C-alpha cells in the first residue's frame, strides 16, 4: 500500500508539473522544453502514456491561470533549514496547510529569503549510457561550456549536474546529439549541512513526511545530513 501511495503521489506531482509547463510554454512539446522534460520524467516514473496524454489535454483545455508555483521557507526542529516548493490553484489553502504542518511539528515557517540563500539551485540530467560514445572525462570536457559541475556513472545511466540556468542549453545539446534523456529536473542543494542524533533526526523526518504528504507540495529540500 505504501508503494502504491508513493506512486500515486509521484503521478499527482507529474500531473501538476504538466499543468505548470503548459501554462509556461503551451501544450506542444516540440516547442516547450519544460514540457518535454516532464514527459521524460513521466516515462522514467512508469506513468502510463495514456495518463500523460490525458493530463496534457486536460491542462491545455483548462484555464490554468489560477495555478501558481509558491515557495515556502522555514526551520524544522534543531535548526534544520527547509525549502518547500508547491504548485497550487488555491494559495490560501496551501499557505494555511504548510503553516499548520510547521506548527504541529515544532518548526517555524519563515519569511521569504530567510533560508533560500543556504541552497544552490542546480539542474540534473540522467542520460542513456549506450548513447555516450566517449568516456566520462571527455564528456565533462565536451560539456565544459555549460559549466557542468559533476558527471558520474549510476545504475540508471550517466548523471550530470550543472547550474540551474544551463538547463535549456544542456537539454538542446543532448537532443541535437541524439543522446536519450531518461529524466531531468531541478534540485536545491544545501551549502551548509547539519548532522543530528537519531532522536533529533526523527523529529525532522516527522515534519518532512507531513509536508511531502500534502497534495500541493511538489518538492521539499533540507539541510540535514541523512
Foldseek 3Di string as FASTA:
>chain_A
DVVVLVLVLVLLLLLLQLLVQCVVFNLDCVGGVSNVQSVLVCVLSVPDPVSSVVSSVCSRPDDSPLWDWDWWWWAFPPGKTKIFIFIDSDVVVVVVQLCVLCVVLVIHTDDPPPCLVQWFKKKKWFWAAVLDPDDQVVVCVVCVVLQWDDWDADPRHIMTIGHPVSVVVVSVVCVVSVIGTNHMDMDIHGPAADEDDPVRVVSRVSSVVSSSSDSGTNDMDIRYDD
